[in-house]
């Protein structure tokens, strides 16, 4: 009895040390990525890995996420005080990083049994809607504030966005910045968040499965994904809002319509992808791989990618009336 209790105690300590180490490493690497600019577009990857390697532990995920937010805030305070950083940039970096990390953590490790029953696409869409509520007022204010536009331009220059594109398009920096803000306000926020989360999550799943050679990392399938019927009315409302906003020159209605369109169309896009995968399952594995590679290649072709995504959205919408997949009994 004493030996078994001692063994259980030792295993518990090893597990606790492993989880704590994973959380700390994930948080430190994530903050290093966002602060140094090295692999900046994958700064959420270490946080996801810390949870997936620990078999999608909610405790590890939230410990790593909260620690990363606290560490990033402390680094921002240090830069502001000792490196004489700009206070507005400090506020924006802290807000952006905190929201993106906490929402991403919730997507991977949702709190409460109710949310555990929802598929990942639903959680991502809800998370993107939350980011719209947080970031949209900020970008709308930047649109009409010269000082903030200047600071926002500096942030984009840090990514090379302004300097590289301004020379190619022939636009001035101010015109290009206004164009960027125009797109950001009209669906750019939820679209960028969804793409960003999906890329980081998929990389984490792939790397996690590679690290855990003898363990299978939980993998969500979208084969049975179905969108509630009422969302077709949400999609219709967004299109009507865009039309009325353009006709009546109502900017806020136009902005709201575009953001709702992106959020609702994303779910129909996933449903269309599920329908496509349903039919691809009828082919041998080698043929499925070839078709998937071909589709991925076409998605990187300008013009063709928009047509493919549009067809998938249309396919997802049509399933409200045409049963492409046999429902589960």
C-alpha atoms as a PDB file:
ATOM      1  CA  UNK A   1       0.000   0.000   0.000  1.00  0.00           C
ATOM      2  CA  UNK A   2       2.732   2.449   0.958  1.00  0.00           C
ATOM      3  CA  UNK A   3       4.660   1.680  -2.238  1.00  0.00           C
ATOM      4  CA  UNK A   4       1.584   2.216  -4.433  1.00  0.00           C
ATOM      5  CA  UNK A   5       0.737   5.482  -2.680  1.00  0.00           C
ATOM      6  CA  UNK A   6       4.333   6.642  -3.028  1.00  0.00           C
ATOM      7  CA  UNK A   7       4.313   5.705  -6.703  1.00  0.00           C
ATOM      8  CA  UNK A   8       1.074   7.623  -7.282  1.00  0.00           C
ATOM      9  CA  UNK A   9       2.513  10.616  -5.446  1.00  0.00           C
ATOM     10  CA  UNK A  10       5.665  10.479  -7.562  1.00  0.00           C
ATOM     11  CA  UNK A  11       3.654  10.248 -10.784  1.00  0.00           C
ATOM     12  CA  UNK A  12       1.508  13.181  -9.696  1.00  0.00           C
ATOM     13  CA  UNK A  13       4.611  15.295  -9.031  1.00  0.00           C
ATOM     14  CA  UNK A  14       6.100  14.385 -12.407  1.00  0.00           C
ATOM     15  CA  UNK A  15       2.845  15.271 -14.153  1.00  0.00           C
ATOM     16  CA  UNK A  16       2.619  18.579 -12.289  1.00  0.00           C
ATOM     17  CA  UNK A  17       6.234  19.450 -13.154  1.00  0.00           C
ATOM     18  CA  UNK A  18       5.687  18.516 -16.806  1.00  0.00           C
ATOM     19  CA  UNK A  19       2.538  20.648 -17.054  1.00  0.00           C
ATOM     20  CA  UNK A  20       4.154  23.593 -15.317  1.00  0.00           C
ATOM     21  CA  UNK A  21       7.202  23.344 -17.560  1.00  0.00           C
ATOM     22  CA  UNK A  22       5.046  23.127 -20.694  1.00  0.00           C
ATOM     23  CA  UNK A  23       3.024  26.159 -19.632  1.00  0.00           C
ATOM     24  CA  UNK A  24       6.100  28.256 -18.857  1.00  0.00           C
ATOM     25  CA  UNK A  25       7.958  27.298 -22.043  1.00  0.00           C
ATOM     26  CA  UNK A  26       4.885  27.935 -24.189  1.00  0.00           C
ATOM     27  CA  UNK A  27       4.313  31.367 -22.624  1.00  0.00           C
ATOM     28  CA  UNK A  28       7.953  32.461 -22.882  1.00  0.00           C
ATOM     29  CA  UNK A  29       8.349  31.360 -26.524  1.00  0.00           C
ATOM     30  CA  UNK A  30       5.055  33.006 -27.492  1.00  0.00           C
ATOM     31  CA  UNK A  31       6.017  36.355 -25.958  1.00  0.00           C
ATOM     32  CA  UNK A  32       9.475  36.105 -27.535  1.00  0.00           C
ATOM     33  CA  UNK A  33       7.871  35.600 -30.969  1.00  0.00           C
ATOM     34  CA  UNK A  34       5.534  38.598 -30.679  1.00  0.00           C
ATOM     35  CA  UNK A  35       8.174  40.894 -29.201  1.00  0.00           C
ATOM     36  CA  UNK A  36      11.115  40.039 -31.443  1.00  0.00           C
ATOM     37  CA  UNK A  37       9.131  39.591 -34.650  1.00  0.00           C
ATOM     38  CA  UNK A  38      10.697  36.162 -35.168  1.00  0.00           C
ATOM     39  CA  UNK A  39       7.924  33.839 -36.456  1.00  0.00           C
ATOM     40  CA  UNK A  40       5.496  36.542 -35.372  1.00  0.00           C
ATOM     41  CA  UNK A  41       2.610  34.992 -37.315  1.00  0.00           C
ATOM     42  CA  UNK A  42       3.007  31.809 -35.276  1.00  0.00           C
ATOM     43  CA  UNK A  43       3.134  33.370 -31.809  1.00  0.00           C
ATOM     44  CA  UNK A  44       0.081  31.319 -30.768  1.00  0.00           C
ATOM     45  CA  UNK A  45       1.667  28.026 -31.827  1.00  0.00           C
ATOM     46  CA  UNK A  46       3.735  27.509 -28.618  1.00  0.00           C
ATOM     47  CA  UNK A  47       0.627  28.035 -26.481  1.00  0.00           C
ATOM     48  CA  UNK A  48      -1.341  25.435 -28.411  1.00  0.00           C
ATOM     49  CA  UNK A  49       1.561  22.990 -28.337  1.00  0.00           C
ATOM     50  CA  UNK A  50       1.845  23.240 -24.543  1.00  0.00           C
ATOM     51  CA  UNK A  51      -1.754  22.006 -24.319  1.00  0.00           C
ATOM     52  CA  UNK A  52      -1.746  19.450 -27.157  1.00  0.00           C
ATOM     53  CA  UNK A  53       1.466  17.774 -25.992  1.00  0.00           C
ATOM     54  CA  UNK A  54      -0.228  17.336 -22.608  1.00  0.00           C
ATOM     55  CA  UNK A  55      -3.181  15.613 -24.334  1.00  0.00           C
ATOM     56  CA  UNK A  56      -5.181  18.840 -24.642  1.00  0.00           C
ATOM     57  CA  UNK A  57      -5.070  19.618 -20.924  1.00  0.00           C
ATOM     58  CA  UNK A  58      -7.331  22.573 -20.102  1.00  0.00           C
ATOM     59  CA  UNK A  59      -5.286  23.399 -17.011  1.00  0.00           C
ATOM     60  CA  UNK A  60      -2.044  23.558 -18.966  1.00  0.00           C
ATOM     61  CA  UNK A  61      -3.661  25.569 -21.762  1.00  0.00           C
ATOM     62  CA  UNK A  62      -5.093  28.216 -19.453  1.00  0.00           C
ATOM     63  CA  UNK A  63      -1.991  28.352 -17.266  1.00  0.00           C
ATOM     64  CA  UNK A  64       0.154  28.960 -20.343  1.00  0.00           C
ATOM     65  CA  UNK A  65      -2.262  31.531 -21.789  1.00  0.00           C
ATOM     66  CA  UNK A  66      -2.656  33.551 -18.599  1.00  0.00           C
ATOM     67  CA  UNK A  67       1.088  33.417 -17.918  1.00  0.00           C
ATOM     68  CA  UNK A  68       1.789  34.620 -21.475  1.00  0.00           C
ATOM     69  CA  UNK A  69      -0.594  37.575 -21.089  1.00  0.00           C
ATOM     70  CA  UNK A  70       1.005  38.545 -17.767  1.00  0.00           C
ATOM     71  CA  UNK A  71       4.543  38.189 -19.148  1.00  0.00           C
ATOM     72  CA  UNK A  72       3.756  40.205 -22.276  1.00  0.00           C
ATOM     73  CA  UNK A  73       2.230  42.968 -20.153  1.00  0.00           C
ATOM     74  CA  UNK A  74       5.302  43.094 -17.930  1.00  0.00           C
ATOM     75  CA  UNK A  75       7.606  43.262 -20.953  1.00  0.00           C
ATOM     76  CA  UNK A  76       5.467  46.087 -22.361  1.00  0.00           C
ATOM     77  CA  UNK A  77       5.672  48.003 -19.086  1.00  0.00           C
ATOM     78  CA  UNK A  78       9.449  47.554 -19.017  1.00  0.00           C
ATOM     79  CA  UNK A  79       9.769  48.846 -22.602  1.00  0.00           C
ATOM     80  CA  UNK A  80       7.517  51.797 -21.835  1.00  0.00           C
ATOM     81  CA  UNK A  81       9.421  52.806 -18.685  1.00  0.00           C
ATOM     82  CA  UNK A  82      13.040  51.988 -19.490  1.00  0.00           C
ATOM     83  CA  UNK A  83      13.061  52.196 -23.302  1.00  0.00           C
ATOM     84  CA  UNK A  84      10.737  55.218 -23.465  1.00  0.00           C
ATOM     85  CA  UNK A  85       8.193  53.407 -25.601  1.00  0.00           C
ATOM     86  CA  UNK A  86       4.986  54.998 -26.847  1.00  0.00           C
ATOM     87  CA  UNK A  87       2.089  54.553 -24.412  1.00  0.00           C
ATOM     88  CA  UNK A  88      -0.516  54.111 -27.167  1.00  0.00           C
ATOM     89  CA  UNK A  89       1.527  51.355 -28.807  1.00  0.00           C
ATOM     90  CA  UNK A  90       1.924  49.709 -25.396  1.00  0.00           C
ATOM     91  CA  UNK A  91      -1.859  49.800 -24.907  1.00  0.00           C
ATOM     92  CA  UNK A  92      -2.566  48.383 -28.373  1.00  0.00           C
ATOM     93  CA  UNK A  93       0.040  45.595 -28.147  1.00  0.00           C
ATOM     94  CA  UNK A  94      -1.227  44.581 -24.719  1.00  0.00           C
ATOM     95  CA  UNK A  95      -4.872  44.598 -25.809  1.00  0.00           C
ATOM     96  CA  UNK A  96      -4.271  42.741 -29.078  1.00  0.00           C
ATOM     97  CA  UNK A  97      -2.028  40.065 -27.582  1.00  0.00           C
ATOM     98  CA  UNK A  98      -4.256  39.500 -24.552  1.00  0.00           C
ATOM     99  CA  UNK A  99      -7.467  39.137 -26.559  1.00  0.00           C
ATOM    100  CA  UNK A 100      -5.926  36.896 -29.230  1.00  0.00           C
ATOM    101  CA  UNK A 101      -4.275  34.620 -26.660  1.00  0.00           C
ATOM    102  CA  UNK A 102      -7.261  34.269 -24.313  1.00  0.00           C
ATOM    103  CA  UNK A 103      -9.768  33.655 -27.120  1.00  0.00           C
ATOM    104  CA  UNK A 104      -7.417  31.142 -28.766  1.00  0.00           C
ATOM    105  CA  UNK A 105      -7.011  29.382 -25.424  1.00  0.00           C
ATOM    106  CA  UNK A 106     -10.790  29.227 -25.026  1.00  0.00           C
ATOM    107  CA  UNK A 107     -11.113  27.725 -28.530  1.00  0.00           C
ATOM    108  CA  UNK A 108      -8.648  24.956 -27.657  1.00  0.00           C
ATOM    109  CA  UNK A 109      -9.797  24.402 -24.069  1.00  0.00           C
ATOM    110  CA  UNK A 110     -13.359  25.757 -23.640  1.00  0.00           C
ATOM    111  CA  UNK A 111     -14.668  26.281 -20.149  1.00  0.00           C
ATOM    112  CA  UNK A 112     -17.856  24.531 -19.093  1.00  0.00           C
ATOM    113  CA  UNK A 113     -19.584  21.395 -20.338  1.00  0.00           C
ATOM    114  CA  UNK A 114     -21.926  23.333 -22.623  1.00  0.00           C
ATOM    115  CA  UNK A 115     -19.097  24.695 -24.742  1.00  0.00           C
ATOM    116  CA  UNK A 116     -17.390  21.317 -24.841  1.00  0.00           C
ATOM    117  CA  UNK A 117     -20.342  20.059 -26.928  1.00  0.00           C
ATOM    118  CA  UNK A 118     -19.819  22.668 -29.647  1.00  0.00           C
ATOM    119  CA  UNK A 119     -17.604  22.050 -32.645  1.00  0.00           C
ATOM    120  CA  UNK A 120     -14.418  24.036 -33.120  1.00  0.00           C
ATOM    121  CA  UNK A 121     -15.791  26.050 -36.114  1.00  0.00           C
ATOM    122  CA  UNK A 122     -18.588  27.379 -33.893  1.00  0.00           C
ATOM    123  CA  UNK A 123     -16.125  28.355 -31.173  1.00  0.00           C
ATOM    124  CA  UNK A 124     -13.849  30.055 -33.681  1.00  0.00           C
ATOM    125  CA  UNK A 125     -16.778  32.027 -35.107  1.00  0.00           C
ATOM    126  CA  UNK A 126     -17.938  33.113 -31.658  1.00  0.00           C
ATOM    127  CA  UNK A 127     -14.353  34.089 -30.816  1.00  0.00           C
ATOM    128  CA  UNK A 128     -14.051  36.098 -34.035  1.00  0.00           C
ATOM    129  CA  UNK A 129     -17.341  37.877 -33.242  1.00  0.00           C
ATOM    130  CA  UNK A 130     -15.966  38.785 -29.815  1.00  0.00           C
ATOM    131  CA  UNK A 131     -12.797  40.187 -31.428  1.00  0.00           C
ATOM    132  CA  UNK A 132     -14.956  42.311 -33.740  1.00  0.00           C
ATOM    133  CA  UNK A 133     -16.703  43.820 -30.717  1.00  0.00           C
ATOM    134  CA  UNK A 134     -13.333  44.606 -29.121  1.00  0.00           C
ATOM    135  CA  UNK A 135     -11.241  45.733 -32.096  1.00  0.00           C
ATOM    136  CA  UNK A 136     -13.813  47.365 -34.386  1.00  0.00           C
ATOM    137  CA  UNK A 137     -14.295  50.493 -32.225  1.00  0.00           C
ATOM    138  CA  UNK A 138     -10.499  50.829 -31.990  1.00  0.00           C
ATOM    139  CA  UNK A 139      -9.936  50.707 -35.764  1.00  0.00           C
ATOM    140  CA  UNK A 140     -12.944  52.932 -36.420  1.00  0.00           C
ATOM    141  CA  UNK A 141     -11.443  55.543 -34.101  1.00  0.00           C
ATOM    142  CA  UNK A 142      -8.054  55.171 -35.804  1.00  0.00           C
ATOM    143  CA  UNK A 143      -9.755  55.827 -39.165  1.00  0.00           C
ATOM    144  CA  UNK A 144     -10.553  59.400 -38.115  1.00  0.00           C
ATOM    145  CA  UNK A 145      -7.570  60.186 -35.895  1.00  0.00           C
ATOM    146  CA  UNK A 146      -4.389  61.415 -37.584  1.00  0.00           C
ATOM    147  CA  UNK A 147      -2.055  60.655 -34.681  1.00  0.00           C
ATOM    148  CA  UNK A 148      -3.329  57.102 -34.303  1.00  0.00           C
ATOM    149  CA  UNK A 149      -3.129  56.568 -38.062  1.00  0.00           C
ATOM    150  CA  UNK A 150       0.537  57.519 -37.905  1.00  0.00           C
ATOM    151  CA  UNK A 151       1.177  55.015 -35.094  1.00  0.00           C
ATOM    152  CA  UNK A 152      -0.809  52.322 -36.908  1.00  0.00           C
ATOM    153  CA  UNK A 153       1.291  52.970 -40.007  1.00  0.00           C
ATOM    154  CA  UNK A 154       4.444  52.469 -37.950  1.00  0.00           C
ATOM    155  CA  UNK A 155       3.123  49.116 -36.770  1.00  0.00           C
ATOM    156  CA  UNK A 156       2.425  48.043 -40.354  1.00  0.00           C
ATOM    157  CA  UNK A 157       5.880  49.205 -41.438  1.00  0.00           C
ATOM    158  CA  UNK A 158       7.330  46.910 -38.787  1.00  0.00           C
ATOM    159  CA  UNK A 159       5.749  44.003 -40.708  1.00  0.00           C
ATOM    160  CA  UNK A 160       6.934  45.431 -44.039  1.00  0.00           C
ATOM    161  CA  UNK A 161       3.326  45.846 -45.211  1.00  0.00           C
ATOM    162  CA  UNK A 162       3.352  49.553 -46.027  1.00  0.00           C
ATOM    163  CA  UNK A 163       6.865  49.871 -47.434  1.00  0.00           C
ATOM    164  CA  UNK A 164       6.595  46.888 -49.802  1.00  0.00           C
ATOM    165  CA  UNK A 165       3.057  47.457 -51.066  1.00  0.00           C
ATOM    166  CA  UNK A 166       3.210  51.228 -51.492  1.00  0.00           C
ATOM    167  CA  UNK A 167       5.928  50.909 -54.123  1.00  0.00           C
ATOM    168  CA  UNK A 168       4.093  48.183 -56.017  1.00  0.00           C
ATOM    169  CA  UNK A 169       0.676  49.877 -56.107  1.00  0.00           C
ATOM    170  CA  UNK A 170       1.852  53.444 -56.741  1.00  0.00           C
ATOM    171  CA  UNK A 171      -0.254  54.725 -53.842  1.00  0.00           C
ATOM    172  CA  UNK A 172       1.006  57.071 -51.162  1.00  0.00           C
ATOM    173  CA  UNK A 173       1.471  55.757 -47.645  1.00  0.00           C
ATOM    174  CA  UNK A 174      -1.628  57.641 -46.473  1.00  0.00           C
ATOM    175  CA  UNK A 175      -3.784  56.246 -49.286  1.00  0.00           C
ATOM    176  CA  UNK A 176      -2.564  52.709 -48.713  1.00  0.00           C
ATOM    177  CA  UNK A 177      -3.142  53.036 -44.970  1.00  0.00           C
ATOM    178  CA  UNK A 178      -6.704  54.255 -45.567  1.00  0.00           C
ATOM    179  CA  UNK A 179      -7.309  51.297 -47.885  1.00  0.00           C
ATOM    180  CA  UNK A 180      -6.016  48.869 -45.264  1.00  0.00           C
ATOM    181  CA  UNK A 181      -8.288  50.366 -42.599  1.00  0.00           C
ATOM    182  CA  UNK A 182     -11.236  50.255 -45.021  1.00  0.00           C
ATOM    183  CA  UNK A 183     -10.781  46.503 -45.511  1.00  0.00           C
ATOM    184  CA  UNK A 184     -10.070  45.872 -41.820  1.00  0.00           C
ATOM    185  CA  UNK A 185     -13.350  47.510 -40.810  1.00  0.00           C
ATOM    186  CA  UNK A 186     -15.339  45.569 -43.421  1.00  0.00           C
ATOM    187  CA  UNK A 187     -14.686  41.977 -42.477  1.00  0.00           C
ATOM    188  CA  UNK A 188     -10.903  42.103 -42.160  1.00  0.00           C
ATOM    189  CA  UNK A 189     -10.961  41.636 -38.389  1.00  0.00           C
ATOM    190  CA  UNK A 190     -12.925  38.356 -38.200  1.00  0.00           C
ATOM    191  CA  UNK A 191     -11.339  36.977 -41.376  1.00  0.00           C
ATOM    192  CA  UNK A 192      -7.773  37.579 -40.177  1.00  0.00           C
ATOM    193  CA  UNK A 193      -8.554  36.136 -36.727  1.00  0.00           C
ATOM    194  CA  UNK A 194     -10.115  32.985 -38.190  1.00  0.00           C
ATOM    195  CA  UNK A 195      -7.232  32.380 -40.594  1.00  0.00           C
ATOM    196  CA  UNK A 196      -4.668  33.129 -37.892  1.00  0.00           C
ATOM    197  CA  UNK A 197      -6.234  30.775 -35.335  1.00  0.00           C
ATOM    198  CA  UNK A 198      -6.772  28.011 -37.872  1.00  0.00           C
ATOM    199  CA  UNK A 199      -3.146  28.077 -39.126  1.00  0.00           C
ATOM    200  CA  UNK A 200      -1.666  28.080 -35.608  1.00  0.00           C
ATOM    201  CA  UNK A 201      -4.038  25.362 -34.433  1.00  0.00           C
ATOM    202  CA  UNK A 202      -3.377  23.087 -37.418  1.00  0.00           C
ATOM    203  CA  UNK A 203       0.399  23.444 -37.063  1.00  0.00           C
ATOM    204  CA  UNK A 204       0.090  22.630 -33.364  1.00  0.00           C
ATOM    205  CA  UNK A 205      -1.977  19.517 -34.085  1.00  0.00           C
ATOM    206  CA  UNK A 206       0.512  18.296 -36.685  1.00  0.00           C
ATOM    207  CA  UNK A 207       3.549  18.902 -34.483  1.00  0.00           C
ATOM    208  CA  UNK A 208       1.752  17.452 -31.448  1.00  0.00           C
ATOM    209  CA  UNK A 209       0.981  14.226 -33.302  1.00  0.00           C
ATOM    210  CA  UNK A 210       4.605  14.019 -34.442  1.00  0.00           C
ATOM    211  CA  UNK A 211       5.939  14.487 -30.891  1.00  0.00           C
ATOM    212  CA  UNK A 212       3.495  12.001 -29.379  1.00  0.00           C
ATOM    213  CA  UNK A 213       4.483   9.084 -31.546  1.00  0.00           C
ATOM    214  CA  UNK A 214       2.636   6.549 -29.399  1.00  0.00           C
ATOM    215  CA  UNK A 215      -0.350   8.750 -28.555  1.00  0.00           C
ATOM    216  CA  UNK A 216      -3.091   9.997 -30.819  1.00  0.00           C
ATOM    217  CA  UNK A 217      -3.878  13.662 -30.372  1.00  0.00           C
ATOM    218  CA  UNK A 218      -7.621  14.317 -30.390  1.00  0.00           C
ATOM    219  CA  UNK A 219      -8.661  15.388 -33.857  1.00  0.00           C
ATOM    220  CA  UNK A 220     -11.974  17.033 -34.649  1.00  0.00           C
ATOM    221  CA  UNK A 221     -13.653  15.989 -37.852  1.00  0.00           C
ATOM    222  CA  UNK A 222     -15.944  18.224 -39.857  1.00  0.00           C
ATOM    223  CA  UNK A 223     -17.555  15.379 -41.784  1.00  0.00           C
ATOM    224  CA  UNK A 224     -20.688  15.636 -39.652  1.00  0.00           C
ATOM    225  CA  UNK A 225     -20.670  19.420 -39.291  1.00  0.00           C
ATOM    226  CA  UNK A 226     -24.075  21.059 -39.867  1.00  0.00           C
ATOM    227  CA  UNK A 227     -25.033  24.716 -39.667  1.00  0.00           C
ATOM    228  CA  UNK A 228     -28.361  25.609 -37.999  1.00  0.00           C
ATOM    229  CA  UNK A 229     -31.002  26.587 -40.541  1.00  0.00           C
ATOM    230  CA  UNK A 230     -31.621  30.028 -39.032  1.00  0.00           C
ATOM    231  CA  UNK A 231     -28.134  31.148 -40.085  1.00  0.00           C
ATOM    232  CA  UNK A 232     -29.375  31.469 -43.669  1.00  0.00           C
ATOM    233  CA  UNK A 233     -31.479  34.390 -42.420  1.00  0.00           C
ATOM    234  CA  UNK A 234     -28.418  35.899 -40.750  1.00  0.00           C
ATOM    235  CA  UNK A 235     -26.541  35.630 -44.039  1.00  0.00           C
ATOM    236  CA  UNK A 236     -29.470  37.244 -45.878  1.00  0.00           C
ATOM    237  CA  UNK A 237     -29.636  40.029 -43.292  1.00  0.00           C
ATOM    238  CA  UNK A 238     -25.948  40.790 -43.766  1.00  0.00           C
ATOM    239  CA  UNK A 239     -26.368  41.096 -47.537  1.00  0.00           C
ATOM    240  CA  UNK A 240     -29.363  43.376 -47.071  1.00  0.00           C
ATOM    241  CA  UNK A 241     -27.400  45.508 -44.598  1.00  0.00           C
ATOM    242  CA  UNK A 242     -24.547  45.955 -47.074  1.00  0.00           C
ATOM    243  CA  UNK A 243     -26.987  46.903 -49.846  1.00  0.00           C
ATOM    244  CA  UNK A 244     -28.909  49.385 -47.698  1.00  0.00           C
ATOM    245  CA  UNK A 245     -25.670  50.805 -46.307  1.00  0.00           C
ATOM    246  CA  UNK A 246     -24.344  51.461 -49.799  1.00  0.00           C
ATOM    247  CA  UNK A 247     -27.625  52.904 -51.132  1.00  0.00           C
ATOM    248  CA  UNK A 248     -28.269  55.089 -48.096  1.00  0.00           C
ATOM    249  CA  UNK A 249     -24.590  55.922 -47.574  1.00  0.00           C
ATOM    250  CA  UNK A 250     -24.819  54.572 -43.995  1.00  0.00           C
ATOM    251  CA  UNK A 251     -21.247  53.618 -43.141  1.00  0.00           C
ATOM    252  CA  UNK A 252     -21.943  51.827 -39.853  1.00  0.00           C
ATOM    253  CA  UNK A 253     -24.637  49.660 -41.442  1.00  0.00           C
ATOM    254  CA  UNK A 254     -22.250  48.775 -44.280  1.00  0.00           C
ATOM    255  CA  UNK A 255     -19.488  47.859 -41.812  1.00  0.00           C
ATOM    256  CA  UNK A 256     -21.844  45.752 -39.676  1.00  0.00           C
ATOM    257  CA  UNK A 257     -23.156  43.936 -42.746  1.00  0.00           C
ATOM    258  CA  UNK A 258     -19.691  42.973 -44.000  1.00  0.00           C
ATOM    259  CA  UNK A 259     -18.604  41.627 -40.608  1.00  0.00           C
ATOM    260  CA  UNK A 260     -21.775  39.581 -40.168  1.00  0.00           C
ATOM    261  CA  UNK A 261     -21.360  38.298 -43.731  1.00  0.00           C
ATOM    262  CA  UNK A 262     -17.823  37.068 -43.059  1.00  0.00           C
ATOM    263  CA  UNK A 263     -18.844  35.351 -39.806  1.00  0.00           C
ATOM    264  CA  UNK A 264     -21.907  33.602 -41.222  1.00  0.00           C
ATOM    265  CA  UNK A 265     -20.286  32.732 -44.566  1.00  0.00           C
ATOM    266  CA  UNK A 266     -17.392  31.095 -42.680  1.00  0.00           C
ATOM    267  CA  UNK A 267     -19.740  28.536 -41.127  1.00  0.00           C
ATOM    268  CA  UNK A 268     -21.317  27.788 -44.507  1.00  0.00           C
ATOM    269  CA  UNK A 269     -17.794  27.478 -45.941  1.00  0.00           C
ATOM    270  CA  UNK A 270     -16.971  24.819 -43.331  1.00  0.00           C
ATOM    271  CA  UNK A 271     -20.239  23.047 -44.129  1.00  0.00           C
ATOM    272  CA  UNK A 272     -19.384  23.133 -47.833  1.00  0.00           C
ATOM    273  CA  UNK A 273     -15.958  21.702 -47.029  1.00  0.00           C
ATOM    274  CA  UNK A 274     -17.622  18.937 -45.003  1.00  0.00           C
ATOM    275  CA  UNK A 275     -19.820  18.061 -47.982  1.00  0.00           C
ATOM    276  CA  UNK A 276     -16.771  17.937 -50.251  1.00  0.00           C
ATOM    277  CA  UNK A 277     -14.920  15.691 -47.790  1.00  0.00           C
ATOM    278  CA  UNK A 278     -18.011  13.468 -47.544  1.00  0.00           C
ATOM    279  CA  UNK A 279     -17.864  12.765 -51.277  1.00  0.00           C
ATOM    280  CA  UNK A 280     -14.050  12.469 -51.301  1.00  0.00           C
ATOM    281  CA  UNK A 281     -14.285   9.638 -48.752  1.00  0.00           C
ATOM    282  CA  UNK A 282     -15.648   7.459 -51.568  1.00  0.00           C
ATOM    283  CA  UNK A 283     -12.290   7.575 -53.344  1.00  0.00           C
ATOM    284  CA  UNK A 284      -9.166   5.558 -52.433  1.00  0.00           C
ATOM    285  CA  UNK A 285      -6.714   7.320 -50.048  1.00  0.00           C
ATOM    286  CA  UNK A 286      -4.146   8.014 -52.770  1.00  0.00           C
ATOM    287  CA  UNK A 287      -6.744   9.688 -55.003  1.00  0.00           C
ATOM    288  CA  UNK A 288      -8.005  11.753 -52.036  1.00  0.00           C
ATOM    289  CA  UNK A 289      -4.482  12.986 -51.366  1.00  0.00           C
ATOM    290  CA  UNK A 290      -4.023  14.014 -55.009  1.00  0.00           C
ATOM    291  CA  UNK A 291      -7.357  15.861 -55.041  1.00  0.00           C
ATOM    292  CA  UNK A 292      -6.597  17.633 -51.769  1.00  0.00           C
ATOM    293  CA  UNK A 293      -3.152  18.700 -52.993  1.00  0.00           C
ATOM    294  CA  UNK A 294      -4.715  20.001 -56.197  1.00  0.00           C
ATOM    295  CA  UNK A 295      -7.319  21.995 -54.278  1.00  0.00           C
ATOM    296  CA  UNK A 296      -4.672  23.479 -51.975  1.00  0.00           C
ATOM    297  CA  UNK A 297      -2.604  24.453 -55.021  1.00  0.00           C
ATOM    298  CA  UNK A 298      -5.616  26.172 -56.612  1.00  0.00           C
ATOM    299  CA  UNK A 299      -6.345  28.058 -53.375  1.00  0.00           C
ATOM    300  CA  UNK A 300      -3.079  29.937 -53.871  1.00  0.00           C
ATOM    301  CA  UNK A 301      -4.066  31.055 -57.366  1.00  0.00           C
ATOM    302  CA  UNK A 302      -5.554  34.595 -57.328  1.00  0.00           C
ATOM    303  CA  UNK A 303      -9.096  34.654 -58.656  1.00  0.00           C
ATOM    304  CA  UNK A 304      -9.423  30.878 -58.684  1.00  0.00           C
ATOM    305  CA  UNK A 305      -9.237  30.733 -54.876  1.00  0.00           C
ATOM    306  CA  UNK A 306     -12.141  33.169 -54.534  1.00  0.00           C
ATOM    307  CA  UNK A 307     -14.202  31.092 -56.969  1.00  0.00           C
ATOM    308  CA  UNK A 308     -13.483  27.863 -55.045  1.00  0.00           C
ATOM    309  CA  UNK A 309     -14.314  29.427 -51.678  1.00  0.00           C
ATOM    310  CA  UNK A 310     -17.467  30.951 -53.126  1.00  0.00           C
ATOM    311  CA  UNK A 311     -18.567  27.587 -54.513  1.00  0.00           C
ATOM    312  CA  UNK A 312     -17.989  25.929 -51.123  1.00  0.00           C
ATOM    313  CA  UNK A 313     -20.062  28.612 -49.386  1.00  0.00           C
ATOM    314  CA  UNK A 314     -22.822  28.146 -51.989  1.00  0.00           C
ATOM    315  CA  UNK A 315     -22.651  24.380 -51.494  1.00  0.00           C
ATOM    316  CA  UNK A 316     -23.006  24.847 -47.736  1.00  0.00           C
ATOM    317  CA  UNK A 317     -26.010  27.143 -48.220  1.00  0.00           C
ATOM    318  CA  UNK A 318     -27.703  24.719 -50.623  1.00  0.00           C
ATOM    319  CA  UNK A 319     -27.602  21.920 -48.055  1.00  0.00           C
ATOM    320  CA  UNK A 320     -30.330  23.735 -46.148  1.00  0.00           C
ATOM    321  CA  UNK A 321     -32.678  22.416 -48.829  1.00  0.00           C
ATOM    322  CA  UNK A 322     -30.738  19.642 -50.599  1.00  0.00           C
ATOM    323  CA  UNK A 323     -29.567  16.746 -48.351  1.00  0.00           C
ATOM    324  CA  UNK A 324     -26.120  16.102 -49.817  1.00  0.00           C
ATOM    325  CA  UNK A 325     -25.139  13.967 -46.825  1.00  0.00           C
ATOM    326  CA  UNK A 326     -27.147  11.223 -45.188  1.00  0.00           C
ATOM    327  CA  UNK A 327     -27.862  12.454 -41.635  1.00  0.00           C
ATOM    328  CA  UNK A 328     -26.754  10.333 -38.737  1.00  0.00           C
ATOM    329  CA  UNK A 329     -29.501   8.299 -37.121  1.00  0.00           C
END
